[in-house]
Amino acid sequence: MPAMRLPGISSWRATFAPRRVLKFASVGLAATVVYALCASLFASAGSRYLSPATASLAAYAVAAIFSYLGHKFFTFMSAGSHRFEVPRFAVLTGCGLAVAYLLPALLVGQFGLPISVPILLTCILIPVVNFVVLERWIFSGRAEASLDK
């Protein structure tokens, strides 16, 4: 049985190529703004109908659609099949949705913190995890562009 080889440092350098990181950041920032605006709007406008956790969950779903399309076609320029990438993106999004739901439920519902605290935490935690997972697992079969190196 051949030994399993760990990714080398050059593999990680390619992952964090400056141009790719900037593209990711621009799509991620736009998706984060979409999330934050929607979460704030849903929480304030629908406060009688939506709990802070549900407002955050709905906002995250809206931002996830924007994020998938932006990262597929702009950040990673993936030519991969939607049938392959969408289910993987859905798993990643499901994990993000859990965080986006649980943080407000715990921090607002249990500890009485303002909704801005879990929104901010969601806006920080999710992008860091997403970059590595998108690069290594979801859009890993993309065509390498010379601009990314």
Protein backbone atom coordinates (compact mmCIF):
# COMPACT_ATOMS: atom_id res chain seq x y z
CA MET A 1 0.00 0.00 0.00
CA PRO A 2 1.53 3.34 -1.00
CA ALA A 3 2.13 5.91 1.70
CA MET A 4 -0.31 8.78 1.87
CA ARG A 5 1.34 12.05 0.94
CA LEU A 6 0.50 15.27 2.73
CA PRO A 7 0.14 18.47 0.73
CA GLY A 8 3.41 20.38 0.46
CA ILE A 9 4.05 24.02 1.17
CA SER A 10 3.79 24.88 -2.54
CA SER A 11 0.25 23.51 -2.52
CA TRP A 12 -0.68 25.91 0.28
CA ARG A 13 1.04 28.81 -1.50
CA ALA A 14 -1.16 28.17 -4.54
CA THR A 15 -4.20 28.10 -2.28
CA PHE A 16 -3.41 31.50 -0.83
CA ALA A 17 -2.31 33.16 -4.08
CA PRO A 18 -2.85 36.92 -3.64
CA ARG A 19 -5.17 37.36 -6.62
CA ARG A 20 -7.37 34.45 -5.55
CA VAL A 21 -7.52 35.74 -1.99
CA LEU A 22 -8.57 39.18 -3.27
CA LYS A 23 -11.27 37.65 -5.47
CA PHE A 24 -12.49 35.53 -2.57
CA ALA A 25 -12.49 38.52 -0.28
CA SER A 26 -14.48 40.65 -2.71
CA VAL A 27 -17.17 37.99 -3.23
CA GLY A 28 -17.10 37.12 0.46
CA LEU A 29 -17.36 40.74 1.52
CA ALA A 30 -20.31 41.28 -0.81
CA ALA A 31 -22.01 38.12 0.49
CA THR A 32 -21.29 39.19 4.06
CA VAL A 33 -22.86 42.58 3.43
CA VAL A 34 -25.88 40.85 1.88
CA TYR A 35 -26.12 38.64 4.99
CA ALA A 36 -25.70 41.48 7.49
CA LEU A 37 -28.19 43.76 5.75
CA CYS A 38 -30.76 41.01 5.34
CA ALA A 39 -30.31 39.77 8.93
CA SER A 40 -30.70 43.28 10.31
CA LEU A 41 -33.69 43.98 8.08
CA PHE A 42 -35.38 40.65 8.82
CA ALA A 43 -34.76 41.00 12.57
CA SER A 44 -36.06 44.55 12.78
CA ALA A 45 -38.84 44.51 10.19
CA GLY A 46 -40.18 41.12 11.18
CA SER A 47 -39.48 41.18 14.88
CA ARG A 48 -43.06 40.16 15.61
CA TYR A 49 -42.85 37.25 13.17
CA LEU A 50 -39.19 36.24 13.11
CA SER A 51 -36.94 35.46 16.03
CA PRO A 52 -33.37 36.78 15.75
CA ALA A 53 -32.16 33.24 15.00
CA THR A 54 -34.73 32.72 12.23
CA ALA A 55 -33.94 36.14 10.74
CA SER A 56 -30.26 35.24 10.70
CA LEU A 57 -31.02 31.86 9.10
CA ALA A 58 -33.11 33.43 6.32
CA ALA A 59 -30.46 36.06 5.67
CA TYR A 60 -27.75 33.41 5.49
CA ALA A 61 -29.73 31.46 2.89
CA VAL A 62 -30.02 34.56 0.68
CA ALA A 63 -26.30 35.28 1.02
CA ALA A 64 -25.41 31.63 0.29
CA ILE A 65 -26.96 31.76 -3.18
CA PHE A 66 -25.03 34.92 -3.95
CA SER A 67 -21.86 33.35 -2.55
CA TYR A 68 -22.08 30.12 -4.58
CA LEU A 69 -22.52 31.94 -7.86
CA GLY A 70 -19.81 34.49 -7.11
CA HIS A 71 -17.24 31.92 -6.05
CA LYS A 72 -18.05 29.47 -8.84
CA PHE A 73 -17.86 31.97 -11.67
CA PHE A 74 -15.52 34.66 -10.32
CA THR A 75 -13.26 33.48 -7.50
CA PHE A 76 -12.46 29.95 -8.61
CA MET A 77 -13.72 30.13 -12.22
CA SER A 78 -14.89 26.56 -11.92
CA ALA A 79 -15.91 24.58 -14.96
CA GLY A 80 -17.11 21.80 -12.68
CA SER A 81 -20.60 20.40 -12.81
CA HIS A 82 -23.29 21.94 -10.64
CA ARG A 83 -24.32 18.35 -9.84
CA PHE A 84 -20.93 17.83 -8.22
CA GLU A 85 -20.36 21.25 -6.65
CA VAL A 86 -23.83 22.22 -5.41
CA PRO A 87 -24.20 19.28 -2.99
CA ARG A 88 -20.76 19.98 -1.52
CA PHE A 89 -21.55 23.67 -1.28
CA ALA A 90 -24.83 22.71 0.41
CA VAL A 91 -22.91 20.77 3.09
CA LEU A 92 -20.65 23.77 3.70
CA THR A 93 -23.66 26.07 3.74
CA GLY A 94 -25.47 23.75 6.14
CA CYS A 95 -22.59 24.05 8.57
CA GLY A 96 -22.65 27.83 8.14
CA LEU A 97 -26.41 27.89 8.61
CA ALA A 98 -26.01 25.97 11.86
CA VAL A 99 -23.54 28.58 13.09
CA ALA A 100 -25.76 31.44 11.84
CA TYR A 101 -28.71 29.92 13.70
CA LEU A 102 -27.01 28.80 16.89
CA LEU A 103 -25.02 31.96 17.58
CA PRO A 104 -28.10 34.24 17.78
CA ALA A 105 -30.13 31.56 19.57
CA LEU A 106 -27.48 31.27 22.27
CA LEU A 107 -26.08 34.77 22.43
CA VAL A 108 -29.36 36.67 22.08
CA GLY A 109 -31.83 34.11 23.40
CA GLN A 110 -29.80 32.80 26.33
CA PHE A 111 -27.40 35.63 27.19
CA GLY A 112 -29.41 38.67 26.13
CA LEU A 113 -26.70 40.16 23.90
CA PRO A 114 -27.68 42.49 21.04
CA ILE A 115 -28.24 40.87 17.63
CA SER A 116 -25.17 42.69 16.29
CA VAL A 117 -22.84 40.42 18.32
CA PRO A 118 -23.80 37.09 16.69
CA ILE A 119 -24.08 38.77 13.28
CA LEU A 120 -20.52 40.06 13.63
CA LEU A 121 -19.22 36.69 14.83
CA THR A 122 -20.91 34.94 11.90
CA CYS A 123 -19.38 37.47 9.51
CA ILE A 124 -15.89 36.66 10.83
CA LEU A 125 -15.98 32.89 11.39
CA ILE A 126 -17.73 31.73 8.24
CA PRO A 127 -15.41 33.35 5.65
CA VAL A 128 -12.23 31.95 7.20
CA VAL A 129 -13.52 28.38 7.14
CA ASN A 130 -15.19 28.79 3.75
CA PHE A 131 -12.04 29.83 1.88
CA VAL A 132 -10.15 26.66 2.70
CA VAL A 133 -13.15 24.37 2.16
CA LEU A 134 -14.12 26.00 -1.14
CA GLU A 135 -10.55 25.80 -2.43
CA ARG A 136 -9.76 22.28 -1.27
CA TRP A 137 -13.06 20.42 -1.51
CA ILE A 138 -15.78 22.16 -3.51
CA PHE A 139 -14.01 23.83 -6.44
CA SER A 140 -10.88 21.66 -6.35
CA GLY A 141 -11.35 20.51 -9.95
CA ARG A 142 -11.29 24.01 -11.44
CA ALA A 143 -9.08 24.94 -14.35
CA GLU A 144 -5.90 26.60 -13.12
CA ALA A 145 -5.69 30.13 -14.42
CA SER A 146 -2.29 31.72 -14.92
CA LEU A 147 -3.52 34.79 -12.98
CA ASP A 148 -3.83 32.71 -9.81
CA LYS A 149 -0.16 31.82 -9.65
